[in-house]
Amino acid sequence: MRIGLALEAGGVKGVAHIALLEKLESIDIEIVTGSSMGAVIGALFALSGDSKTVKKKFFSTLKKYLPVFRDKIRNTVVQPVSKISCEGGRNIPIFQRSF
């Protein structure tokens, strides 16, 4: 029987995907597919075939690039660009982010 694995998107769920791969280590997974973070974890697994390598590469990359993203998010400017009129006369601002 051929077994495939589909991993979903969701950013932080990537860590859960790694834990799942560790639990499924004894199963011969022939096909791996995914979306967004699931595709990243799936690709690492397809290249290495080993959940320990996936975990090591994932966390070393996260450690390397997280400060860059954190600084970029801190420097994000959020500005209201428009308003939507709602029931009851309330106006809700629409925001735009710029980096």
Protein backbone atom coordinates (compact mmCIF):
# COMPACT_ATOMS: atom_id res chain seq x y z
CA MET A 1 0.00 0.00 0.00
CA ARG A 2 1.28 3.48 -0.88
CA ILE A 3 0.97 6.15 1.79
CA GLY A 4 0.92 9.89 1.15
CA LEU A 5 0.95 12.79 3.56
CA ALA A 6 -0.69 16.21 3.05
CA LEU A 7 0.47 19.02 5.35
CA GLU A 8 -1.61 22.16 5.74
CA ALA A 9 -0.70 25.83 5.88
CA GLY A 10 -0.55 27.83 9.05
CA GLY A 11 2.86 29.20 9.99
CA VAL A 12 3.34 27.97 13.54
CA LYS A 13 1.68 24.67 12.64
CA GLY A 14 5.01 23.84 11.02
CA VAL A 15 6.24 22.79 14.45
CA ALA A 16 3.24 20.45 14.78
CA HIS A 17 4.06 18.99 11.35
CA ILE A 18 7.55 18.18 12.59
CA ALA A 19 6.12 16.40 15.65
CA LEU A 20 3.77 14.45 13.38
CA LEU A 21 6.68 13.38 11.17
CA GLU A 22 8.53 12.17 14.28
CA LYS A 23 5.53 10.01 15.24
CA LEU A 24 5.19 8.64 11.68
CA GLU A 25 8.90 7.82 11.41
CA SER A 26 8.23 4.06 11.29
CA ILE A 27 5.79 4.39 8.36
CA ASP A 28 7.15 4.45 4.83
CA ILE A 29 5.68 7.69 3.43
CA GLU A 30 6.06 7.76 -0.35
CA ILE A 31 4.36 11.03 -1.27
CA VAL A 32 4.47 14.32 0.62
CA THR A 33 2.55 17.42 -0.35
CA GLY A 34 1.65 20.62 1.44
CA SER A 35 0.56 24.22 1.30
CA SER A 36 2.54 27.19 2.60
CA MET A 37 4.38 26.09 5.78
CA GLY A 38 3.23 22.53 5.14
CA ALA A 39 5.00 22.69 1.77
CA VAL A 40 8.20 23.92 3.44
CA ILE A 41 8.17 21.11 6.02
CA GLY A 42 7.12 18.59 3.38
CA ALA A 43 9.95 19.64 1.07
CA LEU A 44 12.50 19.36 3.88
CA PHE A 45 11.18 15.90 4.69
CA ALA A 46 11.18 14.84 1.04
CA LEU A 47 14.80 15.95 0.67
CA SER A 48 16.08 14.33 3.86
CA GLY A 49 13.59 11.54 4.61
CA ASP A 50 14.39 12.08 8.27
CA SER A 51 12.34 14.03 10.83
CA LYS A 52 15.44 14.82 12.93
CA THR A 53 17.06 16.59 9.97
CA VAL A 54 13.82 18.49 9.27
CA LYS A 55 13.68 19.64 12.90
CA LYS A 56 17.33 20.69 12.92
CA LYS A 57 17.08 22.66 9.65
CA PHE A 58 13.74 24.27 10.59
CA PHE A 59 14.90 25.57 13.97
CA SER A 60 18.34 26.66 12.75
CA THR A 61 16.69 28.66 9.94
CA LEU A 62 14.12 30.11 12.35
CA LYS A 63 16.87 31.13 14.78
CA LYS A 64 18.83 32.77 11.96
CA TYR A 65 16.01 34.76 10.36
CA LEU A 66 13.55 35.46 13.21
CA PRO A 67 15.38 38.63 14.37
CA VAL A 68 15.17 40.01 10.81
CA PHE A 69 11.40 39.47 10.62
CA ARG A 70 10.85 40.72 14.16
CA ASP A 71 12.66 43.99 13.38
CA LYS A 72 10.76 44.37 10.12
CA ILE A 73 7.43 43.94 11.91
CA ARG A 74 8.42 46.46 14.62
CA ASN A 75 9.19 49.03 11.93
CA THR A 76 5.89 48.47 10.13
CA VAL A 77 3.81 51.61 9.79
CA VAL A 78 0.05 51.10 9.91
CA GLN A 79 -2.04 53.94 8.54
CA PRO A 80 -5.79 54.30 8.07
CA VAL A 81 -6.53 54.73 4.36
CA SER A 82 -10.32 54.73 4.29
CA LYS A 83 -13.44 54.06 6.31
CA ILE A 84 -16.39 51.72 5.87
CA SER A 85 -19.81 52.95 6.96
CA CYS A 86 -21.72 50.31 8.89
CA GLU A 87 -25.18 49.96 10.35
CA GLY A 88 -25.85 52.36 13.18
CA GLY A 89 -23.70 55.09 11.59
CA ARG A 90 -20.40 53.64 12.78
CA ASN A 91 -17.36 54.17 10.61
CA ILE A 92 -14.70 51.46 10.70
CA PRO A 93 -11.21 52.46 9.51
CA ILE A 94 -9.39 50.32 6.94
CA PHE A 95 -5.66 50.07 7.57
CA GLN A 96 -2.77 49.63 5.19
CA ARG A 97 0.63 48.38 6.24
CA SER A 98 3.79 49.73 4.71
CA PHE A 99 7.32 48.51 5.35
